[in-house]
Every structure is written in C-alpha cells, then in structure tokens.
Amino acid sequence: MASSLIRSTLTKIGVLTAHPAAFMIVFVYTAAWLIFEPETFDWHGFATIATWLMTLFIQRAEHRDTQAIHAKLDELLKADDAASTDLKDVDEEEPEEIEETREQQ
C-alpha cells in the first residue's frame, strides 16, 4: 500500500512538472534569488537554473508525446470494432504493472 501511494504521488508530481506553471515557479525563484541575494548568483547559480529549465522542457516534451500517443491509440481503438477492451484502464496502472501486463500478452 505504501509503495503504491509513493508511486502514485511520484506520477502526479511528474504530471505537475509538465504544466506551464512549473516554469513560472522557476522564474519566480530566480527573480527572488536575484533580488535578495544577487551576490551569490554566479555561474553555479546560472547552471542550476539552466538545469531546472532543461529538466522542465524535457518533462513537458515527454508528457506531450505521451498524451499524443494516447490520443492516437484511443482513436484507433474507437475505429476498430474488433479491438479488445481488456486494456482500456491500463494507463491507470503503475509502470511496473504495465510492463508485467505487456509481458503476459
């Protein structure tokens, strides 16, 4: 139960980091850093902010790609009357459970 809760929470955090508001958090943090302690914002600070932004861009691109694949698969399943509905709720499962399901197929 606890590991399921942890995995579910991590998944939700991953989805939240793909939201555009996550970028605003980084920008607000950077602005606060520059306002309150500008003397500590050296190249290490710049590298930290750049790393956060790159991570958010990658996360957003991955989320967009995943959503696009899901939309395409949903459309294909709707178009094919012979398609099995056994896996219709598979995207609610955790990644490890999905892998197990794929191996059993």
PDB file of N, CA and C in Angstrom:
ATOM      1  N   MET A   1       0.818  -1.202   0.000  1.00  0.00           N
ATOM      2  CA  MET A   1       0.000   0.000   0.000  1.00  0.00           C
ATOM      3  C   MET A   1       0.857   1.259   0.000  1.00  0.00           C
ATOM      4  N   ALA A   2       1.877   1.298   0.832  1.00  0.00           N
ATOM      5  CA  ALA A   2       2.727   2.485   0.916  1.00  0.00           C
ATOM      6  C   ALA A   2       3.489   2.706  -0.382  1.00  0.00           C
ATOM      7  N   SER A   3       3.993   1.636  -0.990  1.00  0.00           N
ATOM      8  CA  SER A   3       4.736   1.798  -2.241  1.00  0.00           C
ATOM      9  C   SER A   3       3.814   2.242  -3.360  1.00  0.00           C
ATOM     10  N   SER A   4       2.560   1.791  -3.327  1.00  0.00           N
ATOM     11  CA  SER A   4       1.585   2.226  -4.318  1.00  0.00           C
ATOM     12  C   SER A   4       1.295   3.724  -4.173  1.00  0.00           C
ATOM     13  N   LEU A   5       1.189   4.171  -2.936  1.00  0.00           N
ATOM     14  CA  LEU A   5       0.952   5.594  -2.674  1.00  0.00           C
ATOM     15  C   LEU A   5       2.142   6.431  -3.127  1.00  0.00           C
ATOM     16  N   ILE A   6       3.338   5.946  -2.870  1.00  0.00           N
ATOM     17  CA  ILE A   6       4.550   6.666  -3.286  1.00  0.00           C
ATOM     18  C   ILE A   6       4.616   6.753  -4.803  1.00  0.00           C
ATOM     19  N   ARG A   7       4.371   5.627  -5.478  1.00  0.00           N
ATOM     20  CA  ARG A   7       4.415   5.627  -6.948  1.00  0.00           C
ATOM     21  C   ARG A   7       3.350   6.538  -7.528  1.00  0.00           C
ATOM     22  N   SER A   8       2.165   6.504  -6.951  1.00  0.00           N
ATOM     23  CA  SER A   8       1.087   7.366  -7.421  1.00  0.00           C
ATOM     24  C   SER A   8       1.442   8.838  -7.235  1.00  0.00           C
ATOM     25  N   THR A   9       2.020   9.162  -6.084  1.00  0.00           N
ATOM     26  CA  THR A   9       2.427  10.543  -5.808  1.00  0.00           C
ATOM     27  C   THR A   9       3.518  10.993  -6.783  1.00  0.00           C
ATOM     28  N   LEU A  10       4.487  10.133  -7.036  1.00  0.00           N
ATOM     29  CA  LEU A  10       5.552  10.480  -7.980  1.00  0.00           C
ATOM     30  C   LEU A  10       5.004  10.707  -9.384  1.00  0.00           C
ATOM     31  N   THR A  11       4.028   9.908  -9.784  1.00  0.00           N
ATOM     32  CA  THR A  11       3.405  10.089 -11.096  1.00  0.00           C
ATOM     33  C   THR A  11       2.706  11.440 -11.169  1.00  0.00           C
ATOM     34  N   LYS A  12       1.984  11.789 -10.115  1.00  0.00           N
ATOM     35  CA  LYS A  12       1.278  13.074 -10.088  1.00  0.00           C
ATOM     36  C   LYS A  12       2.267  14.239 -10.111  1.00  0.00           C
ATOM     37  N   ILE A  13       3.375  14.110  -9.406  1.00  0.00           N
ATOM     38  CA  ILE A  13       4.399  15.159  -9.420  1.00  0.00           C
ATOM     39  C   ILE A  13       4.973  15.304 -10.825  1.00  0.00           C
ATOM     40  N   GLY A  14       5.207  14.176 -11.487  1.00  0.00           N
ATOM     41  CA  GLY A  14       5.713  14.214 -12.861  1.00  0.00           C
ATOM     42  C   GLY A  14       4.762  14.941 -13.801  1.00  0.00           C
ATOM     43  N   VAL A  15       3.464  14.707 -13.638  1.00  0.00           N
ATOM     44  CA  VAL A  15       2.473  15.396 -14.464  1.00  0.00           C
ATOM     45  C   VAL A  15       2.464  16.892 -14.149  1.00  0.00           C
ATOM     46  N   LEU A  16       2.566  17.239 -12.871  1.00  0.00           N
ATOM     47  CA  LEU A  16       2.575  18.652 -12.486  1.00  0.00           C
ATOM     48  C   LEU A  16       3.797  19.384 -13.030  1.00  0.00           C
ATOM     49  N   THR A  17       4.942  18.702 -13.082  1.00  0.00           N
ATOM     50  CA  THR A  17       6.142  19.371 -13.608  1.00  0.00           C
ATOM     51  C   THR A  17       6.038  19.615 -15.104  1.00  0.00           C
ATOM     52  N   ALA A  18       5.109  18.945 -15.769  1.00  0.00           N
ATOM     53  CA  ALA A  18       4.912  19.178 -17.200  1.00  0.00           C
ATOM     54  C   ALA A  18       3.977  20.366 -17.449  1.00  0.00           C
ATOM     55  N   HIS A  19       3.387  20.896 -16.408  1.00  0.00           N
ATOM     56  CA  HIS A  19       2.461  22.021 -16.546  1.00  0.00           C
ATOM     57  C   HIS A  19       3.256  23.321 -16.742  1.00  0.00           C
ATOM     58  N   PRO A  20       2.758  24.229 -17.561  1.00  0.00           N
ATOM     59  CA  PRO A  20       3.464  25.502 -17.776  1.00  0.00           C
ATOM     60  C   PRO A  20       3.701  26.312 -16.502  1.00  0.00           C
ATOM     61  N   ALA A  21       2.878  26.125 -15.491  1.00  0.00           N
ATOM     62  CA  ALA A  21       3.061  26.863 -14.237  1.00  0.00           C
ATOM     63  C   ALA A  21       4.390  26.507 -13.567  1.00  0.00           C
ATOM     64  N   ALA A  22       4.916  25.328 -13.862  1.00  0.00           N
ATOM     65  CA  ALA A  22       6.204  24.934 -13.283  1.00  0.00           C
ATOM     66  C   ALA A  22       7.308  25.887 -13.729  1.00  0.00           C
ATOM     67  N   PHE A  23       7.205  26.384 -14.946  1.00  0.00           N
ATOM     68  CA  PHE A  23       8.193  27.346 -15.432  1.00  0.00           C
ATOM     69  C   PHE A  23       8.109  28.654 -14.650  1.00  0.00           C
ATOM     70  N   MET A  24       6.890  29.045 -14.305  1.00  0.00           N
ATOM     71  CA  MET A  24       6.714  30.275 -13.536  1.00  0.00           C
ATOM     72  C   MET A  24       7.360  30.146 -12.161  1.00  0.00           C
ATOM     73  N   ILE A  25       7.295  28.969 -11.575  1.00  0.00           N
ATOM     74  CA  ILE A  25       7.918  28.755 -10.274  1.00  0.00           C
ATOM     75  C   ILE A  25       9.424  28.980 -10.371  1.00  0.00           C
ATOM     76  N   VAL A  26      10.033  28.465 -11.434  1.00  0.00           N
ATOM     77  CA  VAL A  26      11.482  28.660 -11.621  1.00  0.00           C
ATOM     78  C   VAL A  26      11.792  30.136 -11.840  1.00  0.00           C
ATOM     79  N   PHE A  27      10.968  30.820 -12.626  1.00  0.00           N
ATOM     80  CA  PHE A  27      11.214  32.249 -12.879  1.00  0.00           C
ATOM     81  C   PHE A  27      11.042  33.083 -11.608  1.00  0.00           C
ATOM     82  N   VAL A  28      10.037  32.762 -10.808  1.00  0.00           N
ATOM     83  CA  VAL A  28       9.835  33.485  -9.545  1.00  0.00           C
ATOM     84  C   VAL A  28      11.001  33.216  -8.600  1.00  0.00           C
ATOM     85  N   TYR A  29      11.449  31.964  -8.538  1.00  0.00           N
ATOM     86  CA  TYR A  29      12.587  31.608  -7.694  1.00  0.00           C
ATOM     87  C   TYR A  29      13.840  32.374  -8.134  1.00  0.00           C
ATOM     88  N   THR A  30      14.062  32.422  -9.436  1.00  0.00           N
ATOM     89  CA  THR A  30      15.231  33.135  -9.964  1.00  0.00           C
ATOM     90  C   THR A  30      15.152  34.628  -9.633  1.00  0.00           C
ATOM     91  N   ALA A  31      13.971  35.210  -9.827  1.00  0.00           N
ATOM     92  CA  ALA A  31      13.800  36.634  -9.524  1.00  0.00           C
ATOM     93  C   ALA A  31      14.047  36.906  -8.043  1.00  0.00           C
ATOM     94  N   ALA A  32      13.505  36.041  -7.192  1.00  0.00           N
ATOM     95  CA  ALA A  32      13.722  36.214  -5.750  1.00  0.00           C
ATOM     96  C   ALA A  32      15.200  36.091  -5.411  1.00  0.00           C
ATOM     97  N   TRP A  33      15.873  35.161  -6.030  1.00  0.00           N
ATOM     98  CA  TRP A  33      17.313  34.988  -5.805  1.00  0.00           C
ATOM     99  C   TRP A  33      18.068  36.250  -6.209  1.00  0.00           C
ATOM    100  N   LEU A  34      17.730  36.784  -7.384  1.00  0.00           N
ATOM    101  CA  LEU A  34      18.421  37.983  -7.871  1.00  0.00           C
ATOM    102  C   LEU A  34      18.098  39.216  -7.027  1.00  0.00           C
ATOM    103  N   ILE A  35      16.910  39.269  -6.451  1.00  0.00           N
ATOM    104  CA  ILE A  35      16.528  40.415  -5.623  1.00  0.00           C
ATOM    105  C   ILE A  35      17.164  40.344  -4.235  1.00  0.00           C
ATOM    106  N   PHE A  36      17.090  39.166  -3.601  1.00  0.00           N
ATOM    107  CA  PHE A  36      17.511  39.058  -2.213  1.00  0.00           C
ATOM    108  C   PHE A  36      18.980  38.702  -2.018  1.00  0.00           C
ATOM    109  N   GLU A  37      19.575  37.960  -2.932  1.00  0.00           N
ATOM    110  CA  GLU A  37      20.987  37.607  -2.794  1.00  0.00           C
ATOM    111  C   GLU A  37      21.703  37.603  -4.150  1.00  0.00           C
ATOM    112  N   PRO A  38      21.746  38.751  -4.806  1.00  0.00           N
ATOM    113  CA  PRO A  38      22.347  38.782  -6.148  1.00  0.00           C
ATOM    114  C   PRO A  38      23.843  38.448  -6.140  1.00  0.00           C
ATOM    115  N   GLU A  39      24.517  38.681  -5.033  1.00  0.00           N
ATOM    116  CA  GLU A  39      25.955  38.401  -4.980  1.00  0.00           C
ATOM    117  C   GLU A  39      26.264  36.901  -5.024  1.00  0.00           C
ATOM    118  N   THR A  40      25.272  36.068  -4.700  1.00  0.00           N
ATOM    119  CA  THR A  40      25.506  34.617  -4.743  1.00  0.00           C
ATOM    120  C   THR A  40      25.115  34.004  -6.084  1.00  0.00           C
ATOM    121  N   PHE A  41      24.565  34.814  -6.966  1.00  0.00           N
ATOM    122  CA  PHE A  41      24.145  34.293  -8.270  1.00  0.00           C
ATOM    123  C   PHE A  41      25.328  34.375  -9.237  1.00  0.00           C
ATOM    124  N   ASP A  42      26.175  33.363  -9.178  1.00  0.00           N
ATOM    125  CA  ASP A  42      27.337  33.297 -10.058  1.00  0.00           C
ATOM    126  C   ASP A  42      27.067  32.249 -11.138  1.00  0.00           C
ATOM    127  N   TRP A  43      28.110  31.743 -11.754  1.00  0.00           N
ATOM    128  CA  TRP A  43      27.896  30.773 -12.821  1.00  0.00           C
ATOM    129  C   TRP A  43      27.324  29.461 -12.296  1.00  0.00           C
ATOM    130  N   HIS A  44      27.562  29.139 -11.040  1.00  0.00           N
ATOM    131  CA  HIS A  44      26.939  27.947 -10.450  1.00  0.00           C
ATOM    132  C   HIS A  44      25.423  28.140 -10.353  1.00  0.00           C
ATOM    133  N   GLY A  45      25.021  29.320  -9.947  1.00  0.00           N
ATOM    134  CA  GLY A  45      23.594  29.628  -9.868  1.00  0.00           C
ATOM    135  C   GLY A  45      22.938  29.592 -11.229  1.00  0.00           C
ATOM    136  N   PHE A  46      23.628  30.161 -12.211  1.00  0.00           N
ATOM    137  CA  PHE A  46      23.102  30.128 -13.581  1.00  0.00           C
ATOM    138  C   PHE A  46      22.961  28.688 -14.064  1.00  0.00           C
ATOM    139  N   ALA A  47      23.960  27.854 -13.780  1.00  0.00           N
ATOM    140  CA  ALA A  47      23.911  26.446 -14.189  1.00  0.00           C
ATOM    141  C   ALA A  47      22.752  25.718 -13.508  1.00  0.00           C
ATOM    142  N   THR A  48      22.494  26.053 -12.260  1.00  0.00           N
ATOM    143  CA  THR A  48      21.377  25.438 -11.534  1.00  0.00           C
ATOM    144  C   THR A  48      20.052  25.781 -12.197  1.00  0.00           C
ATOM    145  N   ILE A  49      19.846  27.048 -12.482  1.00  0.00           N
ATOM    146  CA  ILE A  49      18.602  27.489 -13.120  1.00  0.00           C
ATOM    147  C   ILE A  49      18.480  26.870 -14.512  1.00  0.00           C
ATOM    148  N   ALA A  50      19.573  26.846 -15.265  1.00  0.00           N
ATOM    149  CA  ALA A  50      19.539  26.247 -16.602  1.00  0.00           C
ATOM    150  C   ALA A  50      19.185  24.764 -16.536  1.00  0.00           C
ATOM    151  N   THR A  51      19.714  24.067 -15.553  1.00  0.00           N
ATOM    152  CA  THR A  51      19.411  22.645 -15.388  1.00  0.00           C
ATOM    153  C   THR A  51      17.935  22.440 -15.065  1.00  0.00           C
ATOM    154  N   TRP A  52      17.399  23.254 -14.170  1.00  0.00           N
ATOM    155  CA  TRP A  52      15.970  23.154 -13.851  1.00  0.00           C
ATOM    156  C   TRP A  52      15.117  23.392 -15.091  1.00  0.00           C
ATOM    157  N   LEU A  53      15.455  24.424 -15.857  1.00  0.00           N
ATOM    158  CA  LEU A  53      14.672  24.729 -17.051  1.00  0.00           C
ATOM    159  C   LEU A  53      14.767  23.614 -18.091  1.00  0.00           C
ATOM    160  N   MET A  54      15.962  23.081 -18.299  1.00  0.00           N
ATOM    161  CA  MET A  54      16.106  21.976 -19.254  1.00  0.00           C
ATOM    162  C   MET A  54      15.283  20.773 -18.813  1.00  0.00           C
ATOM    163  N   THR A  55      15.294  20.490 -17.521  1.00  0.00           N
ATOM    164  CA  THR A  55      14.518  19.372 -16.998  1.00  0.00           C
ATOM    165  C   THR A  55      13.031  19.583 -17.257  1.00  0.00           C
ATOM    166  N   LEU A  56      12.554  20.801 -17.036  1.00  0.00           N
ATOM    167  CA  LEU A  56      11.141  21.092 -17.283  1.00  0.00           C
ATOM    168  C   LEU A  56      10.791  20.977 -18.762  1.00  0.00           C
ATOM    169  N   PHE A  57      11.666  21.457 -19.642  1.00  0.00           N
ATOM    170  CA  PHE A  57      11.423  21.330 -21.085  1.00  0.00           C
ATOM    171  C   PHE A  57      11.351  19.859 -21.494  1.00  0.00           C
ATOM    172  N   ILE A  58      12.257  19.058 -20.994  1.00  0.00           N
ATOM    173  CA  ILE A  58      12.267  17.629 -21.321  1.00  0.00           C
ATOM    174  C   ILE A  58      11.010  16.953 -20.784  1.00  0.00           C
ATOM    175  N   GLN A  59      10.654  17.256 -19.546  1.00  0.00           N
ATOM    176  CA  GLN A  59       9.461  16.667 -18.943  1.00  0.00           C
ATOM    177  C   GLN A  59       8.221  17.059 -19.733  1.00  0.00           C
ATOM    178  N   ARG A  60       8.137  18.308 -20.140  1.00  0.00           N
ATOM    179  CA  ARG A  60       6.973  18.771 -20.898  1.00  0.00           C
ATOM    180  C   ARG A  60       6.890  18.081 -22.258  1.00  0.00           C
ATOM    181  N   ALA A  61       8.025  17.933 -22.927  1.00  0.00           N
ATOM    182  CA  ALA A  61       8.039  17.259 -24.225  1.00  0.00           C
ATOM    183  C   ALA A  61       7.632  15.792 -24.081  1.00  0.00           C
ATOM    184  N   GLU A  62       8.138  15.135 -23.051  1.00  0.00           N
ATOM    185  CA  GLU A  62       7.772  13.731 -22.810  1.00  0.00           C
ATOM    186  C   GLU A  62       6.276  13.611 -22.532  1.00  0.00           C
ATOM    187  N   HIS A  63       5.747  14.500 -21.738  1.00  0.00           N
ATOM    188  CA  HIS A  63       4.315  14.464 -21.407  1.00  0.00           C
ATOM    189  C   HIS A  63       3.481  14.701 -22.657  1.00  0.00           C
ATOM    190  N   ARG A  64       3.875  15.668 -23.485  1.00  0.00           N
ATOM    191  CA  ARG A  64       3.155  15.949 -24.726  1.00  0.00           C
ATOM    192  C   ARG A  64       3.170  14.729 -25.641  1.00  0.00           C
ATOM    193  N   ASP A  65       4.334  14.088 -25.787  1.00  0.00           N
ATOM    194  CA  ASP A  65       4.444  12.911 -26.638  1.00  0.00           C
ATOM    195  C   ASP A  65       3.562  11.775 -26.126  1.00  0.00           C
ATOM    196  N   THR A  66       3.566  11.569 -24.818  1.00  0.00           N
ATOM    197  CA  THR A  66       2.751  10.513 -24.234  1.00  0.00           C
ATOM    198  C   THR A  66       1.268  10.783 -24.459  1.00  0.00           C
ATOM    199  N   GLN A  67       0.855  12.021 -24.265  1.00  0.00           N
ATOM    200  CA  GLN A  67      -0.553  12.370 -24.473  1.00  0.00           C
ATOM    201  C   GLN A  67      -0.946  12.193 -25.939  1.00  0.00           C
ATOM    202  N   ALA A  68      -0.054  12.540 -26.855  1.00  0.00           N
ATOM    203  CA  ALA A  68      -0.341  12.379 -28.282  1.00  0.00           C
ATOM    204  C   ALA A  68      -0.488  10.901 -28.640  1.00  0.00           C
ATOM    205  N   ILE A  69       0.395  10.072 -28.110  1.00  0.00           N
ATOM    206  CA  ILE A  69       0.310   8.630 -28.379  1.00  0.00           C
ATOM    207  C   ILE A  69      -1.004   8.068 -27.831  1.00  0.00           C
ATOM    208  N   HIS A  70      -1.382   8.484 -26.625  1.00  0.00           N
ATOM    209  CA  HIS A  70      -2.645   8.017 -26.046  1.00  0.00           C
ATOM    210  C   HIS A  70      -3.830   8.441 -26.905  1.00  0.00           C
ATOM    211  N   ALA A  71      -3.826   9.670 -27.387  1.00  0.00           N
ATOM    212  CA  ALA A  71      -4.933  10.149 -28.215  1.00  0.00           C
ATOM    213  C   ALA A  71      -5.022   9.351 -29.519  1.00  0.00           C
ATOM    214  N   LYS A  72      -3.887   9.062 -30.120  1.00  0.00           N
ATOM    215  CA  LYS A  72      -3.877   8.285 -31.368  1.00  0.00           C
ATOM    216  C   LYS A  72      -4.363   6.859 -31.124  1.00  0.00           C
ATOM    217  N   LEU A  73      -3.885   6.248 -30.051  1.00  0.00           N
ATOM    218  CA  LEU A  73      -4.326   4.887 -29.737  1.00  0.00           C
ATOM    219  C   LEU A  73      -5.813   4.845 -29.406  1.00  0.00           C
ATOM    220  N   ASP A  74      -6.299   5.834 -28.675  1.00  0.00           N
ATOM    221  CA  ASP A  74      -7.726   5.889 -28.369  1.00  0.00           C
ATOM    222  C   ASP A  74      -8.550   5.949 -29.649  1.00  0.00           C
ATOM    223  N   GLU A  75      -8.101   6.760 -30.586  1.00  0.00           N
ATOM    224  CA  GLU A  75      -8.816   6.886 -31.862  1.00  0.00           C
ATOM    225  C   GLU A  75      -8.792   5.571 -32.643  1.00  0.00           C
ATOM    226  N   LEU A  76      -7.650   4.897 -32.653  1.00  0.00           N
ATOM    227  CA  LEU A  76      -7.566   3.603 -33.335  1.00  0.00           C
ATOM    228  C   LEU A  76      -8.484   2.564 -32.693  1.00  0.00           C
ATOM    229  N   LEU A  77      -8.522   2.547 -31.368  1.00  0.00           N
ATOM    230  CA  LEU A  77      -9.395   1.601 -30.677  1.00  0.00           C
ATOM    231  C   LEU A  77     -10.871   1.891 -30.938  1.00  0.00           C
ATOM    232  N   LYS A  78     -11.225   3.153 -31.042  1.00  0.00           N
ATOM    233  CA  LYS A  78     -12.617   3.508 -31.342  1.00  0.00           C
ATOM    234  C   LYS A  78     -12.990   3.100 -32.762  1.00  0.00           C
ATOM    235  N   ALA A  79     -12.036   3.174 -33.678  1.00  0.00           N
ATOM    236  CA  ALA A  79     -12.305   2.887 -35.084  1.00  0.00           C
ATOM    237  C   ALA A  79     -12.419   1.393 -35.362  1.00  0.00           C
ATOM    238  N   ASP A  80     -11.798   0.550 -34.565  1.00  0.00           N
ATOM    239  CA  ASP A  80     -11.786  -0.891 -34.808  1.00  0.00           C
ATOM    240  C   ASP A  80     -12.766  -1.586 -33.864  1.00  0.00           C
ATOM    241  N   ASP A  81     -13.861  -2.095 -34.435  1.00  0.00           N
ATOM    242  CA  ASP A  81     -14.878  -2.763 -33.613  1.00  0.00           C
ATOM    243  C   ASP A  81     -14.358  -4.048 -32.977  1.00  0.00           C
ATOM    244  N   ALA A  82     -13.334  -4.652 -33.571  1.00  0.00           N
ATOM    245  CA  ALA A  82     -12.805  -5.913 -33.056  1.00  0.00           C
ATOM    246  C   ALA A  82     -11.744  -5.698 -31.973  1.00  0.00           C
ATOM    247  N   ALA A  83     -11.455  -4.451 -31.675  1.00  0.00           N
ATOM    248  CA  ALA A  83     -10.410  -4.162 -30.678  1.00  0.00           C
ATOM    249  C   ALA A  83     -10.846  -4.635 -29.301  1.00  0.00           C
ATOM    250  N   SER A  84      -9.901  -5.209 -28.580  1.00  0.00           N
ATOM    251  CA  SER A  84     -10.173  -5.704 -27.232  1.00  0.00           C
ATOM    252  C   SER A  84     -10.182  -4.535 -26.251  1.00  0.00           C
ATOM    253  N   THR A  85     -11.109  -4.588 -25.314  1.00  0.00           N
ATOM    254  CA  THR A  85     -11.187  -3.536 -24.300  1.00  0.00           C
ATOM    255  C   THR A  85     -10.551  -3.987 -22.987  1.00  0.00           C
ATOM    256  N   ASP A  86      -9.834  -5.112 -23.022  1.00  0.00           N
ATOM    257  CA  ASP A  86      -9.205  -5.629 -21.807  1.00  0.00           C
ATOM    258  C   ASP A  86      -8.201  -4.647 -21.207  1.00  0.00           C
ATOM    259  N   LEU A  87      -7.558  -3.866 -22.046  1.00  0.00           N
ATOM    260  CA  LEU A  87      -6.503  -2.967 -21.572  1.00  0.00           C
ATOM    261  C   LEU A  87      -6.953  -1.511 -21.477  1.00  0.00           C
ATOM    262  N   LYS A  88      -8.259  -1.283 -21.480  1.00  0.00           N
ATOM    263  CA  LYS A  88      -8.736   0.102 -21.519  1.00  0.00           C
ATOM    264  C   LYS A  88      -8.320   0.921 -20.294  1.00  0.00           C
ATOM    265  N   ASP A  89      -8.096   0.283 -19.168  1.00  0.00           N
ATOM    266  CA  ASP A  89      -7.705   1.007 -17.958  1.00  0.00           C
ATOM    267  C   ASP A  89      -6.233   0.835 -17.612  1.00  0.00           C
ATOM    268  N   VAL A  90      -5.440   0.356 -18.563  1.00  0.00           N
ATOM    269  CA  VAL A  90      -4.029   0.082 -18.277  1.00  0.00           C
ATOM    270  C   VAL A  90      -3.260   1.351 -17.928  1.00  0.00           C
ATOM    271  N   ASP A  91      -3.699   2.496 -18.447  1.00  0.00           N
ATOM    272  CA  ASP A  91      -2.969   3.730 -18.152  1.00  0.00           C
ATOM    273  C   ASP A  91      -3.189   4.230 -16.730  1.00  0.00           C
ATOM    274  N   GLU A  92      -4.056   3.569 -15.983  1.00  0.00           N
ATOM    275  CA  GLU A  92      -4.234   3.892 -14.576  1.00  0.00           C
ATOM    276  C   GLU A  92      -3.252   3.130 -13.692  1.00  0.00           C
ATOM    277  N   GLU A  93      -2.578   2.142 -14.282  1.00  0.00           N
ATOM    278  CA  GLU A  93      -1.645   1.318 -13.515  1.00  0.00           C
ATOM    279  C   GLU A  93      -0.271   1.971 -13.446  1.00  0.00           C
ATOM    280  N   GLU A  94       0.549   1.433 -12.579  1.00  0.00           N
ATOM    281  CA  GLU A  94       1.923   1.909 -12.435  1.00  0.00           C
ATOM    282  C   GLU A  94       2.788   1.298 -13.544  1.00  0.00           C
ATOM    283  N   PRO A  95       3.905   1.948 -13.889  1.00  0.00           N
ATOM    284  CA  PRO A  95       4.749   1.461 -14.982  1.00  0.00           C
ATOM    285  C   PRO A  95       5.176  -0.005 -14.832  1.00  0.00           C
ATOM    286  N   GLU A  96       5.480  -0.415 -13.628  1.00  0.00           N
ATOM    287  CA  GLU A  96       5.907  -1.804 -13.414  1.00  0.00           C
ATOM    288  C   GLU A  96       4.773  -2.781 -13.723  1.00  0.00           C
ATOM    289  N   GLU A  97       3.556  -2.412 -13.357  1.00  0.00           N
ATOM    290  CA  GLU A  97       2.406  -3.258 -13.629  1.00  0.00           C
ATOM    291  C   GLU A  97       2.108  -3.316 -15.124  1.00  0.00           C
ATOM    292  N   ILE A  98       2.306  -2.214 -15.820  1.00  0.00           N
ATOM    293  CA  ILE A  98       2.111  -2.180 -17.262  1.00  0.00           C
ATOM    294  C   ILE A  98       3.101  -3.112 -17.955  1.00  0.00           C
ATOM    295  N   GLU A  99       4.353  -3.078 -17.509  1.00  0.00           N
ATOM    296  CA  GLU A  99       5.361  -3.972 -18.090  1.00  0.00           C
ATOM    297  C   GLU A  99       4.983  -5.430 -17.882  1.00  0.00           C
ATOM    298  N   GLU A 100       4.495  -5.769 -16.699  1.00  0.00           N
ATOM    299  CA  GLU A 100       4.051  -7.140 -16.429  1.00  0.00           C
ATOM    300  C   GLU A 100       2.905  -7.526 -17.359  1.00  0.00           C
ATOM    301  N   THR A 101       1.974  -6.618 -17.553  1.00  0.00           N
ATOM    302  CA  THR A 101       0.845  -6.884 -18.442  1.00  0.00           C
ATOM    303  C   THR A 101       1.321  -7.107 -19.867  1.00  0.00           C
ATOM    304  N   ARG A 102       2.252  -6.294 -20.329  1.00  0.00           N
ATOM    305  CA  ARG A 102       2.794  -6.449 -21.686  1.00  0.00           C
ATOM    306  C   ARG A 102       3.504  -7.768 -21.860  1.00  0.00           C
ATOM    307  N   GLU A 103       4.219  -8.209 -20.845  1.00  0.00           N
ATOM    308  CA  GLU A 103       4.941  -9.484 -20.921  1.00  0.00           C
ATOM    309  C   GLU A 103       3.971 -10.663 -20.964  1.00  0.00           C
ATOM    310  N   GLN A 104       2.807 -10.537 -20.344  1.00  0.00           N
ATOM    311  CA  GLN A 104       1.822 -11.619 -20.323  1.00  0.00           C
ATOM    312  C   GLN A 104       1.049 -11.709 -21.617  1.00  0.00           C
ATOM    313  N   GLN A 105       1.016 -10.668 -22.408  1.00  0.00           N
ATOM    314  CA  GLN A 105       0.239 -10.639 -23.652  1.00  0.00           C
ATOM    315  C   GLN A 105       0.850 -11.474 -24.734  1.00  0.00           C
TER     316      GLN A 105
END
